[in-house]
């Protein structure tokens, strides 16, 4: 079990761009981390078969305690009493079905169309829903990108000259926003197959379609607004490394000038088990910069030979 309280963290408070300048850093941040770390190792032999298991699991609760006397810094995703990297935005209730649906639902703070997300009215100036969506009253924390769970597993084995190793690694208890290049037409006007297959259409007006109606005119749609509609479970378990090798018997090498020879095949980032969209890695960041390129982790196979004379 551990408990860590960090005080006087260098922190620059976010301020309105109207000022034309930023605020200098100050020793004002305070963060708390507490949780558990577990490690379990096991080694055994069954005849000539040897194996080992190495596992770790951690649970971490992260909380922001102080921010230079303010309650929140929305631009940095920091809120007193909440985890770092919190996602602040609107809750939604599916997609608009038609014009009547738009007319009878709380007034949106953007030009709504059938197939666009329905922002939920969760509060108003008096603390109760007022039928009008505003950024001041209707935004709330809709998730966080700080993992609560981290885990890993390593397995080694050997049998009659063969050796095996696999490493698994993962995180859980966090969310990510589908944004930037992951959204249709944001990638130099391109779209992906899942955008098309899961979109809302007039022919198939599904209130809970996984993607809204496709719009080329991005200014007509709240693309850059944080919505729970865009959040995805970013938990994953990845086969990070896998290796299979074979050591030639000393008897076979006895009449040669080679003392040891091992051949092996190795794989890196072979498979990720997650509920993210195919082609996108839940660990990736897809925002920032003009016309950047984003690549998921590369799957790589290697064939090797170790020789000792």
C-alpha atoms as a PDB file:
ATOM      1  CA  UNK A   1       0.000   0.000   0.000  1.00  0.00           C
ATOM      2  CA  UNK A   2       1.266   3.502  -0.709  1.00  0.00           C
ATOM      3  CA  UNK A   3       0.188   7.070  -0.098  1.00  0.00           C
ATOM      4  CA  UNK A   4       1.869  10.029  -1.763  1.00  0.00           C
ATOM      5  CA  UNK A   5       0.931  13.682  -1.391  1.00  0.00           C
ATOM      6  CA  UNK A   6       2.860  16.077  -3.626  1.00  0.00           C
ATOM      7  CA  UNK A   7       2.761  19.785  -2.768  1.00  0.00           C
ATOM      8  CA  UNK A   8       4.101  22.973  -4.359  1.00  0.00           C
ATOM      9  CA  UNK A   9       3.961  21.558  -7.887  1.00  0.00           C
ATOM     10  CA  UNK A  10       4.967  24.069 -10.564  1.00  0.00           C
ATOM     11  CA  UNK A  11       1.713  25.104 -12.170  1.00  0.00           C
ATOM     12  CA  UNK A  12       0.662  27.775 -14.671  1.00  0.00           C
ATOM     13  CA  UNK A  13      -2.999  28.719 -14.317  1.00  0.00           C
ATOM     14  CA  UNK A  14      -4.996  28.829 -17.569  1.00  0.00           C
ATOM     15  CA  UNK A  15      -6.338  32.307 -18.313  1.00  0.00           C
ATOM     16  CA  UNK A  16      -8.499  33.824 -21.024  1.00  0.00           C
ATOM     17  CA  UNK A  17      -6.793  34.545 -24.359  1.00  0.00           C
ATOM     18  CA  UNK A  18      -8.216  38.070 -24.113  1.00  0.00           C
ATOM     19  CA  UNK A  19      -5.261  38.946 -21.876  1.00  0.00           C
ATOM     20  CA  UNK A  20      -2.843  38.225 -24.719  1.00  0.00           C
ATOM     21  CA  UNK A  21      -0.374  36.579 -22.367  1.00  0.00           C
ATOM     22  CA  UNK A  22      -0.043  33.629 -20.020  1.00  0.00           C
ATOM     23  CA  UNK A  23       0.469  33.541 -16.277  1.00  0.00           C
ATOM     24  CA  UNK A  24       3.880  32.625 -14.943  1.00  0.00           C
ATOM     25  CA  UNK A  25       4.438  29.324 -13.185  1.00  0.00           C
ATOM     26  CA  UNK A  26       4.014  29.187  -9.435  1.00  0.00           C
ATOM     27  CA  UNK A  27       4.339  26.578  -6.700  1.00  0.00           C
ATOM     28  CA  UNK A  28       0.617  26.046  -6.352  1.00  0.00           C
ATOM     29  CA  UNK A  29      -0.406  22.525  -7.392  1.00  0.00           C
ATOM     30  CA  UNK A  30      -1.156  19.758  -4.937  1.00  0.00           C
ATOM     31  CA  UNK A  31      -1.930  16.143  -5.930  1.00  0.00           C
ATOM     32  CA  UNK A  32      -2.670  12.953  -3.992  1.00  0.00           C
ATOM     33  CA  UNK A  33      -1.963   9.403  -5.134  1.00  0.00           C
ATOM     34  CA  UNK A  34      -2.828   6.326  -3.118  1.00  0.00           C
ATOM     35  CA  UNK A  35      -3.362   2.689  -3.896  1.00  0.00           C
ATOM     36  CA  UNK A  36      -2.013  -0.841  -3.890  1.00  0.00           C
ATOM     37  CA  UNK A  37       0.683  -2.656  -5.833  1.00  0.00           C
ATOM     38  CA  UNK A  38       0.686  -6.443  -6.065  1.00  0.00           C
ATOM     39  CA  UNK A  39       3.355  -8.760  -7.402  1.00  0.00           C
ATOM     40  CA  UNK A  40       3.092 -12.519  -7.703  1.00  0.00           C
ATOM     41  CA  UNK A  41       5.884 -14.747  -9.036  1.00  0.00           C
ATOM     42  CA  UNK A  42       5.898 -18.500  -9.445  1.00  0.00           C
ATOM     43  CA  UNK A  43       8.594 -20.933 -10.602  1.00  0.00           C
ATOM     44  CA  UNK A  44       8.259 -24.674 -11.057  1.00  0.00           C
ATOM     45  CA  UNK A  45       9.635 -27.697 -12.891  1.00  0.00           C
ATOM     46  CA  UNK A  46       7.743 -30.739 -14.128  1.00  0.00           C
ATOM     47  CA  UNK A  47      10.377 -33.232 -15.143  1.00  0.00           C
ATOM     48  CA  UNK A  48      12.479 -31.484 -17.793  1.00  0.00           C
ATOM     49  CA  UNK A  49       9.836 -28.811 -18.368  1.00  0.00           C
ATOM     50  CA  UNK A  50      10.607 -25.569 -16.497  1.00  0.00           C
ATOM     51  CA  UNK A  51       8.378 -22.524 -16.329  1.00  0.00           C
ATOM     52  CA  UNK A  52       8.071 -19.185 -14.523  1.00  0.00           C
ATOM     53  CA  UNK A  53       5.276 -16.663 -14.097  1.00  0.00           C
ATOM     54  CA  UNK A  54       5.877 -13.006 -13.220  1.00  0.00           C
ATOM     55  CA  UNK A  55       2.811 -10.828 -12.673  1.00  0.00           C
ATOM     56  CA  UNK A  56       2.057  -7.356 -11.345  1.00  0.00           C
ATOM     57  CA  UNK A  57      -1.131  -5.422 -10.715  1.00  0.00           C
ATOM     58  CA  UNK A  58      -1.643  -1.923  -9.338  1.00  0.00           C
ATOM     59  CA  UNK A  59      -4.650   0.142  -8.310  1.00  0.00           C
ATOM     60  CA  UNK A  60      -4.180   3.898  -8.111  1.00  0.00           C
ATOM     61  CA  UNK A  61      -6.555   6.616  -6.964  1.00  0.00           C
ATOM     62  CA  UNK A  62      -5.468  10.035  -8.162  1.00  0.00           C
ATOM     63  CA  UNK A  63      -6.938  13.293  -6.872  1.00  0.00           C
ATOM     64  CA  UNK A  64      -6.220  16.998  -7.399  1.00  0.00           C
ATOM     65  CA  UNK A  65      -6.190  18.837  -4.043  1.00  0.00           C
ATOM     66  CA  UNK A  66      -5.210  22.409  -4.883  1.00  0.00           C
ATOM     67  CA  UNK A  67      -4.908  24.672  -7.949  1.00  0.00           C
ATOM     68  CA  UNK A  68      -3.702  28.094  -6.842  1.00  0.00           C
ATOM     69  CA  UNK A  69      -6.947  28.701  -4.993  1.00  0.00           C
ATOM     70  CA  UNK A  70      -9.322  27.984  -7.908  1.00  0.00           C
ATOM     71  CA  UNK A  71     -11.788  25.103  -8.150  1.00  0.00           C
ATOM     72  CA  UNK A  72     -11.067  24.073 -11.725  1.00  0.00           C
ATOM     73  CA  UNK A  73      -8.834  24.613 -14.737  1.00  0.00           C
ATOM     74  CA  UNK A  74     -10.966  23.378 -17.623  1.00  0.00           C
ATOM     75  CA  UNK A  75      -8.263  23.923 -20.243  1.00  0.00           C
ATOM     76  CA  UNK A  76      -5.922  21.502 -18.468  1.00  0.00           C
ATOM     77  CA  UNK A  77      -8.599  19.028 -17.337  1.00  0.00           C
ATOM     78  CA  UNK A  78      -7.953  19.731 -13.654  1.00  0.00           C
ATOM     79  CA  UNK A  79     -10.733  19.858 -11.048  1.00  0.00           C
ATOM     80  CA  UNK A  80     -10.460  19.903  -7.270  1.00  0.00           C
ATOM     81  CA  UNK A  81     -11.399  16.500  -5.859  1.00  0.00           C
ATOM     82  CA  UNK A  82     -11.188  14.768  -9.244  1.00  0.00           C
ATOM     83  CA  UNK A  83      -8.529  12.788 -11.058  1.00  0.00           C
ATOM     84  CA  UNK A  84      -5.991  14.482 -13.294  1.00  0.00           C
ATOM     85  CA  UNK A  85      -6.734  14.400 -17.042  1.00  0.00           C
ATOM     86  CA  UNK A  86     -10.469  14.623 -16.441  1.00  0.00           C
ATOM     87  CA  UNK A  87     -12.693  14.985 -19.512  1.00  0.00           C
ATOM     88  CA  UNK A  88     -15.110  17.891 -19.146  1.00  0.00           C
ATOM     89  CA  UNK A  89     -18.004  18.225 -21.538  1.00  0.00           C
ATOM     90  CA  UNK A  90     -21.659  17.595 -22.358  1.00  0.00           C
ATOM     91  CA  UNK A  91     -23.672  14.473 -21.677  1.00  0.00           C
ATOM     92  CA  UNK A  92     -25.762  13.297 -24.614  1.00  0.00           C
ATOM     93  CA  UNK A  93     -28.908  11.286 -25.141  1.00  0.00           C
ATOM     94  CA  UNK A  94     -28.458   9.724 -28.544  1.00  0.00           C
ATOM     95  CA  UNK A  95     -29.017  11.533 -31.846  1.00  0.00           C
ATOM     96  CA  UNK A  96     -31.851  13.675 -33.139  1.00  0.00           C
ATOM     97  CA  UNK A  97     -34.274  11.700 -35.270  1.00  0.00           C
ATOM     98  CA  UNK A  98     -36.147  14.471 -37.120  1.00  0.00           C
ATOM     99  CA  UNK A  99     -37.260  18.118 -37.005  1.00  0.00           C
ATOM    100  CA  UNK A 100     -40.002  17.385 -34.482  1.00  0.00           C
ATOM    101  CA  UNK A 101     -37.474  15.761 -32.176  1.00  0.00           C
ATOM    102  CA  UNK A 102     -35.338  18.911 -32.343  1.00  0.00           C
ATOM    103  CA  UNK A 103     -38.331  21.200 -31.681  1.00  0.00           C
ATOM    104  CA  UNK A 104     -39.528  19.292 -28.597  1.00  0.00           C
ATOM    105  CA  UNK A 105     -36.082  18.743 -27.030  1.00  0.00           C
ATOM    106  CA  UNK A 106     -34.200  21.354 -24.913  1.00  0.00           C
ATOM    107  CA  UNK A 107     -32.797  24.153 -27.070  1.00  0.00           C
ATOM    108  CA  UNK A 108     -29.271  23.276 -28.188  1.00  0.00           C
ATOM    109  CA  UNK A 109     -26.362  25.705 -28.192  1.00  0.00           C
ATOM    110  CA  UNK A 110     -25.566  24.892 -31.814  1.00  0.00           C
ATOM    111  CA  UNK A 111     -27.537  24.514 -35.048  1.00  0.00           C
ATOM    112  CA  UNK A 112     -29.024  21.072 -34.598  1.00  0.00           C
ATOM    113  CA  UNK A 113     -29.939  18.760 -37.462  1.00  0.00           C
ATOM    114  CA  UNK A 114     -31.396  15.258 -37.604  1.00  0.00           C
ATOM    115  CA  UNK A 115     -28.544  12.851 -36.930  1.00  0.00           C
ATOM    116  CA  UNK A 116     -26.657  15.270 -34.645  1.00  0.00           C
ATOM    117  CA  UNK A 117     -26.084  14.567 -30.908  1.00  0.00           C
ATOM    118  CA  UNK A 118     -28.702  15.641 -28.385  1.00  0.00           C
ATOM    119  CA  UNK A 119     -26.979  17.583 -25.583  1.00  0.00           C
ATOM    120  CA  UNK A 120     -28.670  16.835 -22.261  1.00  0.00           C
ATOM    121  CA  UNK A 121     -30.063  19.636 -20.118  1.00  0.00           C
ATOM    122  CA  UNK A 122     -28.619  18.818 -16.703  1.00  0.00           C
ATOM    123  CA  UNK A 123     -28.804  22.221 -14.996  1.00  0.00           C
ATOM    124  CA  UNK A 124     -29.500  25.945 -15.310  1.00  0.00           C
ATOM    125  CA  UNK A 125     -28.723  29.271 -13.604  1.00  0.00           C
ATOM    126  CA  UNK A 126     -30.836  28.222 -10.602  1.00  0.00           C
ATOM    127  CA  UNK A 127     -29.324  24.749 -10.377  1.00  0.00           C
ATOM    128  CA  UNK A 128     -32.215  22.959 -12.105  1.00  0.00           C
ATOM    129  CA  UNK A 129     -32.740  22.110 -15.812  1.00  0.00           C
ATOM    130  CA  UNK A 130     -34.117  25.135 -17.681  1.00  0.00           C
ATOM    131  CA  UNK A 131     -34.657  23.760 -21.195  1.00  0.00           C
ATOM    132  CA  UNK A 132     -31.672  25.636 -22.642  1.00  0.00           C
ATOM    133  CA  UNK A 133     -28.209  24.145 -23.216  1.00  0.00           C
ATOM    134  CA  UNK A 134     -25.306  26.366 -22.159  1.00  0.00           C
ATOM    135  CA  UNK A 135     -21.624  25.706 -21.608  1.00  0.00           C
ATOM    136  CA  UNK A 136     -21.800  27.337 -18.177  1.00  0.00           C
ATOM    137  CA  UNK A 137     -24.586  25.145 -16.761  1.00  0.00           C
ATOM    138  CA  UNK A 138     -24.688  21.902 -18.703  1.00  0.00           C
ATOM    139  CA  UNK A 139     -21.112  20.668 -18.809  1.00  0.00           C
ATOM    140  CA  UNK A 140     -19.775  18.174 -16.320  1.00  0.00           C
ATOM    141  CA  UNK A 141     -17.014  15.580 -15.951  1.00  0.00           C
ATOM    142  CA  UNK A 142     -17.743  12.748 -18.382  1.00  0.00           C
ATOM    143  CA  UNK A 143     -14.660  10.593 -17.771  1.00  0.00           C
ATOM    144  CA  UNK A 144     -10.924  10.745 -17.260  1.00  0.00           C
ATOM    145  CA  UNK A 145      -7.831   9.614 -19.121  1.00  0.00           C
ATOM    146  CA  UNK A 146      -5.832   8.696 -16.023  1.00  0.00           C
ATOM    147  CA  UNK A 147      -5.671   4.869 -15.736  1.00  0.00           C
ATOM    148  CA  UNK A 148      -6.897   3.449 -12.455  1.00  0.00           C
ATOM    149  CA  UNK A 149      -5.493  -0.050 -13.076  1.00  0.00           C
ATOM    150  CA  UNK A 150      -2.170  -1.145 -14.560  1.00  0.00           C
ATOM    151  CA  UNK A 151      -1.101  -4.757 -14.983  1.00  0.00           C
ATOM    152  CA  UNK A 152       1.400  -7.044 -16.634  1.00  0.00           C
ATOM    153  CA  UNK A 153       2.266 -10.710 -16.979  1.00  0.00           C
ATOM    154  CA  UNK A 154       5.435 -12.478 -18.073  1.00  0.00           C
ATOM    155  CA  UNK A 155       5.745 -16.205 -18.815  1.00  0.00           C
ATOM    156  CA  UNK A 156       8.957 -18.093 -19.509  1.00  0.00           C
ATOM    157  CA  UNK A 157       9.364 -21.802 -20.233  1.00  0.00           C
ATOM    158  CA  UNK A 158      11.979 -24.211 -21.580  1.00  0.00           C
ATOM    159  CA  UNK A 159      11.855 -27.852 -22.621  1.00  0.00           C
ATOM    160  CA  UNK A 160      14.509 -30.005 -24.316  1.00  0.00           C
ATOM    161  CA  UNK A 161      16.288 -27.120 -25.997  1.00  0.00           C
ATOM    162  CA  UNK A 162      13.191 -25.067 -26.745  1.00  0.00           C
ATOM    163  CA  UNK A 163      12.585 -21.812 -24.860  1.00  0.00           C
ATOM    164  CA  UNK A 164       9.541 -19.554 -24.790  1.00  0.00           C
ATOM    165  CA  UNK A 165       8.834 -16.056 -23.488  1.00  0.00           C
ATOM    166  CA  UNK A 166       5.717 -13.867 -23.606  1.00  0.00           C
ATOM    167  CA  UNK A 167       5.031 -10.494 -22.026  1.00  0.00           C
ATOM    168  CA  UNK A 168       1.542  -9.006 -21.646  1.00  0.00           C
ATOM    169  CA  UNK A 169       0.849  -5.444 -20.558  1.00  0.00           C
ATOM    170  CA  UNK A 170      -2.276  -3.360 -20.099  1.00  0.00           C
ATOM    171  CA  UNK A 171      -4.302  -0.628 -18.441  1.00  0.00           C
ATOM    172  CA  UNK A 172      -7.929  -0.217 -17.410  1.00  0.00           C
ATOM    173  CA  UNK A 173     -10.282   2.260 -15.786  1.00  0.00           C
ATOM    174  CA  UNK A 174      -9.809   5.117 -18.261  1.00  0.00           C
ATOM    175  CA  UNK A 175     -11.507   6.697 -21.252  1.00  0.00           C
ATOM    176  CA  UNK A 176     -10.318   8.526 -24.351  1.00  0.00           C
ATOM    177  CA  UNK A 177     -12.051  10.949 -26.684  1.00  0.00           C
ATOM    178  CA  UNK A 178     -12.493  10.097 -30.349  1.00  0.00           C
ATOM    179  CA  UNK A 179     -11.181  13.349 -31.793  1.00  0.00           C
ATOM    180  CA  UNK A 180      -8.791  14.897 -34.262  1.00  0.00           C
ATOM    181  CA  UNK A 181      -7.778  12.500 -37.021  1.00  0.00           C
ATOM    182  CA  UNK A 182     -10.112   9.820 -35.693  1.00  0.00           C
ATOM    183  CA  UNK A 183     -13.143  11.796 -36.862  1.00  0.00           C
ATOM    184  CA  UNK A 184     -14.508  11.722 -40.399  1.00  0.00           C
ATOM    185  CA  UNK A 185     -13.128  14.351 -42.827  1.00  0.00           C
ATOM    186  CA  UNK A 186     -10.659  15.628 -40.216  1.00  0.00           C
ATOM    187  CA  UNK A 187      -7.908  13.570 -41.818  1.00  0.00           C
ATOM    188  CA  UNK A 188      -7.351  15.636 -44.974  1.00  0.00           C
ATOM    189  CA  UNK A 189     -10.978  15.049 -45.964  1.00  0.00           C
ATOM    190  CA  UNK A 190     -10.745  11.254 -45.611  1.00  0.00           C
ATOM    191  CA  UNK A 191     -13.160   8.956 -43.855  1.00  0.00           C
ATOM    192  CA  UNK A 192     -12.744   5.414 -42.587  1.00  0.00           C
ATOM    193  CA  UNK A 193     -14.921   2.405 -43.179  1.00  0.00           C
ATOM    194  CA  UNK A 194     -16.284   2.396 -39.628  1.00  0.00           C
ATOM    195  CA  UNK A 195     -17.495   5.985 -40.106  1.00  0.00           C
ATOM    196  CA  UNK A 196     -19.624   4.831 -43.023  1.00  0.00           C
ATOM    197  CA  UNK A 197     -20.775   1.520 -41.552  1.00  0.00           C
ATOM    198  CA  UNK A 198     -21.895   3.004 -38.216  1.00  0.00           C
ATOM    199  CA  UNK A 199     -23.295   6.387 -39.278  1.00  0.00           C
ATOM    200  CA  UNK A 200     -26.806   7.788 -38.845  1.00  0.00           C
ATOM    201  CA  UNK A 201     -28.701   8.104 -42.124  1.00  0.00           C
ATOM    202  CA  UNK A 202     -32.182   9.245 -43.102  1.00  0.00           C
ATOM    203  CA  UNK A 203     -32.793   5.756 -44.470  1.00  0.00           C
ATOM    204  CA  UNK A 204     -31.678   4.221 -41.160  1.00  0.00           C
ATOM    205  CA  UNK A 205     -32.404   6.831 -38.459  1.00  0.00           C
ATOM    206  CA  UNK A 206     -30.913   5.030 -35.484  1.00  0.00           C
ATOM    207  CA  UNK A 207     -31.019   7.234 -32.381  1.00  0.00           C
ATOM    208  CA  UNK A 208     -28.066   5.372 -30.911  1.00  0.00           C
ATOM    209  CA  UNK A 209     -25.956   4.966 -34.026  1.00  0.00           C
ATOM    210  CA  UNK A 210     -22.246   4.845 -33.194  1.00  0.00           C
ATOM    211  CA  UNK A 211     -21.484   7.731 -35.545  1.00  0.00           C
ATOM    212  CA  UNK A 212     -23.604  10.815 -36.395  1.00  0.00           C
ATOM    213  CA  UNK A 213     -24.609  11.902 -39.883  1.00  0.00           C
ATOM    214  CA  UNK A 214     -21.651  12.669 -42.119  1.00  0.00           C
ATOM    215  CA  UNK A 215     -21.135  16.373 -42.755  1.00  0.00           C
ATOM    216  CA  UNK A 216     -18.432  17.901 -44.914  1.00  0.00           C
ATOM    217  CA  UNK A 217     -19.068  21.393 -43.499  1.00  0.00           C
ATOM    218  CA  UNK A 218     -17.352  20.972 -40.145  1.00  0.00           C
ATOM    219  CA  UNK A 219     -18.402  24.444 -38.980  1.00  0.00           C
ATOM    220  CA  UNK A 220     -22.026  23.269 -38.899  1.00  0.00           C
ATOM    221  CA  UNK A 221     -21.265  20.518 -36.426  1.00  0.00           C
ATOM    222  CA  UNK A 222     -19.807  20.609 -32.888  1.00  0.00           C
ATOM    223  CA  UNK A 223     -16.732  18.553 -33.765  1.00  0.00           C
ATOM    224  CA  UNK A 224     -14.435  20.266 -31.285  1.00  0.00           C
ATOM    225  CA  UNK A 225     -16.794  19.953 -28.292  1.00  0.00           C
ATOM    226  CA  UNK A 226     -16.180  17.266 -25.672  1.00  0.00           C
ATOM    227  CA  UNK A 227     -19.153  14.896 -25.569  1.00  0.00           C
ATOM    228  CA  UNK A 228     -19.687  11.581 -23.827  1.00  0.00           C
ATOM    229  CA  UNK A 229     -20.813  10.470 -27.302  1.00  0.00           C
ATOM    230  CA  UNK A 230     -17.139  10.640 -28.330  1.00  0.00           C
ATOM    231  CA  UNK A 231     -15.723   8.871 -25.274  1.00  0.00           C
ATOM    232  CA  UNK A 232     -14.491   5.324 -25.683  1.00  0.00           C
ATOM    233  CA  UNK A 233     -13.278   2.765 -23.183  1.00  0.00           C
ATOM    234  CA  UNK A 234      -9.484   2.897 -23.549  1.00  0.00           C
ATOM    235  CA  UNK A 235      -8.755  -0.231 -21.491  1.00  0.00           C
ATOM    236  CA  UNK A 236      -6.537  -2.758 -23.232  1.00  0.00           C
ATOM    237  CA  UNK A 237      -4.410  -5.862 -22.855  1.00  0.00           C
ATOM    238  CA  UNK A 238      -1.518  -6.155 -25.297  1.00  0.00           C
ATOM    239  CA  UNK A 239       0.759  -9.016 -26.259  1.00  0.00           C
ATOM    240  CA  UNK A 240       3.847  -6.857 -26.037  1.00  0.00           C
ATOM    241  CA  UNK A 241       6.566  -9.434 -26.720  1.00  0.00           C
ATOM    242  CA  UNK A 242       6.609 -13.073 -27.754  1.00  0.00           C
ATOM    243  CA  UNK A 243       9.717 -15.134 -28.464  1.00  0.00           C
ATOM    244  CA  UNK A 244      10.302 -18.790 -29.318  1.00  0.00           C
ATOM    245  CA  UNK A 245      13.820 -20.158 -29.552  1.00  0.00           C
ATOM    246  CA  UNK A 246      15.723 -23.419 -29.956  1.00  0.00           C
ATOM    247  CA  UNK A 247      19.205 -24.251 -28.683  1.00  0.00           C
ATOM    248  CA  UNK A 248      21.033 -26.917 -30.674  1.00  0.00           C
ATOM    249  CA  UNK A 249      22.216 -29.817 -28.566  1.00  0.00           C
ATOM    250  CA  UNK A 250      25.913 -29.758 -27.529  1.00  0.00           C
ATOM    251  CA  UNK A 251      26.148 -33.274 -28.955  1.00  0.00           C
ATOM    252  CA  UNK A 252      25.322 -31.922 -32.425  1.00  0.00           C
ATOM    253  CA  UNK A 253      27.859 -29.135 -32.030  1.00  0.00           C
ATOM    254  CA  UNK A 254      30.585 -31.299 -30.472  1.00  0.00           C
ATOM    255  CA  UNK A 255      32.411 -31.929 -33.751  1.00  0.00           C
ATOM    256  CA  UNK A 256      32.208 -28.307 -34.949  1.00  0.00           C
ATOM    257  CA  UNK A 257      34.010 -25.141 -33.985  1.00  0.00           C
ATOM    258  CA  UNK A 258      30.717 -23.717 -32.591  1.00  0.00           C
ATOM    259  CA  UNK A 259      30.196 -23.821 -28.824  1.00  0.00           C
ATOM    260  CA  UNK A 260      26.593 -22.603 -28.773  1.00  0.00           C
ATOM    261  CA  UNK A 261      23.939 -21.964 -31.413  1.00  0.00           C
ATOM    262  CA  UNK A 262      20.416 -20.673 -30.859  1.00  0.00           C
ATOM    263  CA  UNK A 263      17.783 -19.714 -33.438  1.00  0.00           C
ATOM    264  CA  UNK A 264      14.704 -17.741 -32.490  1.00  0.00           C
ATOM    265  CA  UNK A 265      11.697 -15.884 -33.817  1.00  0.00           C
ATOM    266  CA  UNK A 266      10.435 -12.836 -31.953  1.00  0.00           C
ATOM    267  CA  UNK A 267       7.326 -10.650 -32.243  1.00  0.00           C
ATOM    268  CA  UNK A 268       6.601  -7.176 -30.837  1.00  0.00           C
ATOM    269  CA  UNK A 269       3.149  -5.572 -30.326  1.00  0.00           C
ATOM    270  CA  UNK A 270       1.407  -8.588 -31.803  1.00  0.00           C
ATOM    271  CA  UNK A 271      -2.152  -8.100 -30.613  1.00  0.00           C
ATOM    272  CA  UNK A 272      -4.194  -5.648 -28.573  1.00  0.00           C
ATOM    273  CA  UNK A 273      -7.432  -6.777 -26.937  1.00  0.00           C
ATOM    274  CA  UNK A 274      -9.626  -3.697 -26.575  1.00  0.00           C
ATOM    275  CA  UNK A 275     -12.949  -2.149 -27.573  1.00  0.00           C
ATOM    276  CA  UNK A 276     -11.318   0.734 -29.453  1.00  0.00           C
ATOM    277  CA  UNK A 277     -11.820   1.160 -33.176  1.00  0.00           C
ATOM    278  CA  UNK A 278      -9.714  -0.967 -35.470  1.00  0.00           C
ATOM    279  CA  UNK A 279      -6.560   0.796 -36.644  1.00  0.00           C
ATOM    280  CA  UNK A 280      -6.410   3.158 -33.654  1.00  0.00           C
ATOM    281  CA  UNK A 281      -4.363   2.462 -30.564  1.00  0.00           C
ATOM    282  CA  UNK A 282      -5.965   3.462 -27.211  1.00  0.00           C
ATOM    283  CA  UNK A 283      -2.560   4.780 -26.116  1.00  0.00           C
ATOM    284  CA  UNK A 284      -2.320   7.157 -29.087  1.00  0.00           C
ATOM    285  CA  UNK A 285      -2.892  10.903 -28.959  1.00  0.00           C
ATOM    286  CA  UNK A 286      -4.613  12.247 -32.058  1.00  0.00           C
ATOM    287  CA  UNK A 287      -4.630  15.993 -31.483  1.00  0.00           C
ATOM    288  CA  UNK A 288      -2.160  18.807 -31.961  1.00  0.00           C
ATOM    289  CA  UNK A 289      -0.217  20.419 -34.782  1.00  0.00           C
ATOM    290  CA  UNK A 290      -1.188  21.170 -38.350  1.00  0.00           C
ATOM    291  CA  UNK A 291      -1.428  18.155 -40.636  1.00  0.00           C
ATOM    292  CA  UNK A 292       0.449  15.727 -38.341  1.00  0.00           C
ATOM    293  CA  UNK A 293       0.712  12.026 -39.065  1.00  0.00           C
ATOM    294  CA  UNK A 294      -0.483   9.414 -36.604  1.00  0.00           C
ATOM    295  CA  UNK A 295       0.603   5.799 -36.611  1.00  0.00           C
ATOM    296  CA  UNK A 296      -0.416   3.028 -34.219  1.00  0.00           C
ATOM    297  CA  UNK A 297       2.271   0.928 -32.566  1.00  0.00           C
ATOM    298  CA  UNK A 298       4.084  -1.125 -35.179  1.00  0.00           C
ATOM    299  CA  UNK A 299       3.781  -4.906 -35.211  1.00  0.00           C
ATOM    300  CA  UNK A 300       7.197  -6.366 -35.897  1.00  0.00           C
ATOM    301  CA  UNK A 301       8.533  -9.893 -36.453  1.00  0.00           C
ATOM    302  CA  UNK A 302      12.218 -10.735 -36.176  1.00  0.00           C
ATOM    303  CA  UNK A 303      14.223 -13.857 -36.957  1.00  0.00           C
ATOM    304  CA  UNK A 304      17.540 -14.196 -35.179  1.00  0.00           C
ATOM    305  CA  UNK A 305      20.578 -16.403 -34.778  1.00  0.00           C
ATOM    306  CA  UNK A 306      22.977 -16.410 -31.797  1.00  0.00           C
ATOM    307  CA  UNK A 307      26.330 -18.117 -32.311  1.00  0.00           C
ATOM    308  CA  UNK A 308      29.221 -18.524 -29.874  1.00  0.00           C
ATOM    309  CA  UNK A 309      32.593 -19.897 -31.010  1.00  0.00           C
END
